[in-house]
């Protein structure tokens, strides 16, 4: 949905170039997921952006509870801080039950960050900055996404998510 609905205008380019690494973690607890996270951060830092520009760490067996996932994000941010990678790596978050602060659970706008499984998306800040600098209206992206989700409506978005087929009409 991110690429098909152009929710992130920066995703298509790296995806088409094969610069997105998809990692499915076998972690069944926080410690195993933390070890996978550290491994993938290390990989991203030590690999050229031309090879891998971004990593999606998909973890289907752990963090199914959204509150636990949010708590784990704090730990993940601490890992980045302690590794002195602030300004180098950042994490975007996706979860089946993603809910933005101040929204109702079934608010259609939550679907911009909903995914079939919990995901930690590791991004290179330098690459993200370049993409933002080249975009004509980066500040307008969230508003555009909200408008799109509201125009599509909750039922259509749920259907799109289930089917994997993207059709904005």
Protein backbone atom coordinates (compact mmCIF):
# COMPACT_ATOMS: atom_id res chain seq x y z
CA UNK A 1 0.00 0.00 0.00
CA UNK A 2 2.88 2.38 0.73
CA UNK A 3 4.12 2.19 -2.86
CA UNK A 4 0.80 1.49 -4.58
CA UNK A 5 -0.93 4.47 -2.99
CA UNK A 6 2.26 6.57 -3.00
CA UNK A 7 1.99 7.12 0.75
CA UNK A 8 5.74 7.64 0.79
CA UNK A 9 6.92 9.23 -2.45
CA UNK A 10 10.48 8.18 -1.60
CA UNK A 11 9.78 4.44 -1.39
CA UNK A 12 9.27 3.63 -5.06
CA UNK A 13 12.77 4.61 -6.21
CA UNK A 14 14.71 2.51 -3.71
CA UNK A 15 12.29 -0.38 -4.17
CA UNK A 16 12.70 -0.39 -7.96
CA UNK A 17 16.48 -0.20 -7.62
CA UNK A 18 16.46 -3.23 -5.31
CA UNK A 19 17.90 -1.22 -2.42
CA UNK A 20 15.34 -2.35 0.15
CA UNK A 21 16.36 -5.24 2.36
CA UNK A 22 13.47 -7.29 3.73
CA UNK A 23 14.35 -9.30 6.83
CA UNK A 24 11.83 -11.60 8.47
CA UNK A 25 12.89 -12.12 12.06
CA UNK A 26 12.31 -15.44 13.76
CA UNK A 27 12.40 -13.67 17.13
CA UNK A 28 9.88 -14.87 19.69
CA UNK A 29 10.85 -12.49 22.49
CA UNK A 30 12.20 -8.98 23.04
CA UNK A 31 15.81 -10.07 23.46
CA UNK A 32 15.88 -11.98 20.18
CA UNK A 33 14.28 -9.05 18.36
CA UNK A 34 16.75 -6.65 19.93
CA UNK A 35 19.63 -8.83 18.70
CA UNK A 36 18.14 -8.83 15.18
CA UNK A 37 17.70 -5.05 15.34
CA UNK A 38 21.33 -4.51 16.35
CA UNK A 39 22.48 -6.85 13.57
CA UNK A 40 20.44 -5.01 10.94
CA UNK A 41 21.53 -1.56 12.14
CA UNK A 42 25.14 -2.74 11.94
CA UNK A 43 24.55 -4.14 8.45
CA UNK A 44 22.98 -0.91 7.23
CA UNK A 45 25.75 1.26 8.67
CA UNK A 46 28.44 -0.93 7.09
CA UNK A 47 26.82 -1.40 3.67
CA UNK A 48 26.77 1.15 0.87
CA UNK A 49 23.43 2.84 0.16
CA UNK A 50 23.71 1.66 -3.44
CA UNK A 51 23.52 -1.92 -2.16
CA UNK A 52 20.98 -1.42 0.64
CA UNK A 53 19.48 1.97 1.33
CA UNK A 54 16.83 0.90 3.81
CA UNK A 55 15.84 -2.19 5.77
CA UNK A 56 12.44 -3.50 6.79
CA UNK A 57 12.80 -5.70 9.88
CA UNK A 58 9.56 -7.68 9.90
CA UNK A 59 8.85 -9.53 13.13
CA UNK A 60 5.69 -11.61 12.91
CA UNK A 61 6.20 -13.66 16.10
CA UNK A 62 6.77 -10.88 18.61
CA UNK A 63 5.27 -7.47 19.44
CA UNK A 64 1.76 -8.23 18.22
CA UNK A 65 0.43 -6.05 21.06
CA UNK A 66 0.68 -2.42 19.92
CA UNK A 67 1.50 -1.07 23.39
CA UNK A 68 4.38 -3.55 23.73
CA UNK A 69 5.56 -2.51 20.27
CA UNK A 70 5.53 1.19 21.24
CA UNK A 71 7.53 0.36 24.38
CA UNK A 72 10.03 -1.55 22.26
CA UNK A 73 10.43 1.48 19.97
CA UNK A 74 11.82 3.37 22.97
CA UNK A 75 14.39 0.60 23.43
CA UNK A 76 15.23 0.70 19.71
CA UNK A 77 15.77 4.47 19.90
CA UNK A 78 18.05 3.96 22.90
CA UNK A 79 20.11 1.48 20.86
CA UNK A 80 20.58 4.12 18.17
CA UNK A 81 21.54 6.75 20.75
CA UNK A 82 24.01 4.47 22.54
CA UNK A 83 25.61 3.49 19.22
CA UNK A 84 25.97 7.21 18.48
CA UNK A 85 23.92 6.80 15.31
CA UNK A 86 21.48 9.64 15.89
CA UNK A 87 21.38 11.63 12.67
CA UNK A 88 22.56 8.57 10.76
CA UNK A 89 19.82 5.95 11.27
CA UNK A 90 16.20 6.48 12.18
CA UNK A 91 13.29 4.12 12.65
CA UNK A 92 9.85 4.39 11.11
CA UNK A 93 7.20 2.21 12.68
CA UNK A 94 4.46 0.05 11.20
CA UNK A 95 2.10 -2.28 13.02
CA UNK A 96 -1.20 -4.09 12.33
CA UNK A 97 -2.88 -2.04 15.09
CA UNK A 98 -1.02 1.24 14.54
CA UNK A 99 -2.84 4.15 16.13
CA UNK A 100 -1.70 7.75 16.00
CA UNK A 101 -2.03 9.68 19.24
CA UNK A 102 -5.39 11.39 19.44
CA UNK A 103 -7.15 9.16 16.90
CA UNK A 104 -9.79 6.51 17.36
CA UNK A 105 -8.74 2.91 16.74
CA UNK A 106 -10.72 2.66 13.48
CA UNK A 107 -9.70 6.10 12.17
CA UNK A 108 -8.81 5.49 8.53
CA UNK A 109 -5.68 7.68 8.81
CA UNK A 110 -4.07 5.06 11.07
CA UNK A 111 -3.81 2.85 7.98
CA UNK A 112 -0.92 4.90 6.62
CA UNK A 113 1.20 3.08 9.23
CA UNK A 114 -0.62 -0.22 9.42
CA UNK A 115 1.03 -3.34 8.08
CA UNK A 116 0.26 -7.07 8.08
CA UNK A 117 2.99 -7.63 10.69
CA UNK A 118 4.95 -5.42 13.08
CA UNK A 119 7.83 -3.78 11.21
CA UNK A 120 10.79 -1.66 12.21
CA UNK A 121 11.82 0.33 9.14
CA UNK A 122 15.47 1.36 9.35
CA UNK A 123 16.23 4.45 7.30
CA UNK A 124 19.45 6.27 6.48
CA UNK A 125 18.90 9.89 7.48
CA UNK A 126 21.25 11.13 4.74
CA UNK A 127 19.21 9.37 2.06
CA UNK A 128 15.98 10.57 3.60
CA UNK A 129 17.26 14.15 3.72
CA UNK A 130 18.23 14.02 0.04
CA UNK A 131 14.80 12.66 -0.88
CA UNK A 132 13.04 15.32 1.19
CA UNK A 133 15.17 18.08 -0.33
CA UNK A 134 14.24 16.93 -3.84
CA UNK A 135 10.49 16.76 -3.11
CA UNK A 136 8.43 19.83 -4.04
CA UNK A 137 6.26 19.69 -0.89
CA UNK A 138 7.57 17.34 1.82
CA UNK A 139 5.53 19.06 4.54
CA UNK A 140 2.36 18.34 2.55
CA UNK A 141 2.88 14.56 2.43
CA UNK A 142 1.06 13.73 5.69
CA UNK A 143 -1.91 15.94 4.77
CA UNK A 144 -2.06 14.39 1.29
CA UNK A 145 -2.06 10.92 2.85
CA UNK A 146 -4.82 11.86 5.29
CA UNK A 147 -6.93 13.24 2.44
CA UNK A 148 -6.35 10.09 0.36
CA UNK A 149 -7.31 7.77 3.21
CA UNK A 150 -10.43 9.78 3.98
CA UNK A 151 -11.40 9.86 0.30
CA UNK A 152 -10.97 6.08 -0.01
CA UNK A 153 -12.82 5.41 3.24
CA UNK A 154 -12.26 2.77 5.88
CA UNK A 155 -13.93 -0.15 4.10
CA UNK A 156 -12.03 0.39 0.83
CA UNK A 157 -8.71 0.74 2.67
CA UNK A 158 -9.38 -2.47 4.63
CA UNK A 159 -10.25 -4.24 1.37
CA UNK A 160 -7.06 -2.96 -0.27
CA UNK A 161 -4.99 -4.10 2.68
CA UNK A 162 -6.53 -7.57 2.61
CA UNK A 163 -6.30 -8.05 -1.14
CA UNK A 164 -2.90 -6.46 -1.68
CA UNK A 165 -4.34 -4.90 -4.85
CA UNK A 166 -4.07 -1.16 -5.20
CA UNK A 167 -6.63 0.82 -7.12
CA UNK A 168 -7.23 4.42 -6.07
CA UNK A 169 -10.44 4.77 -8.09
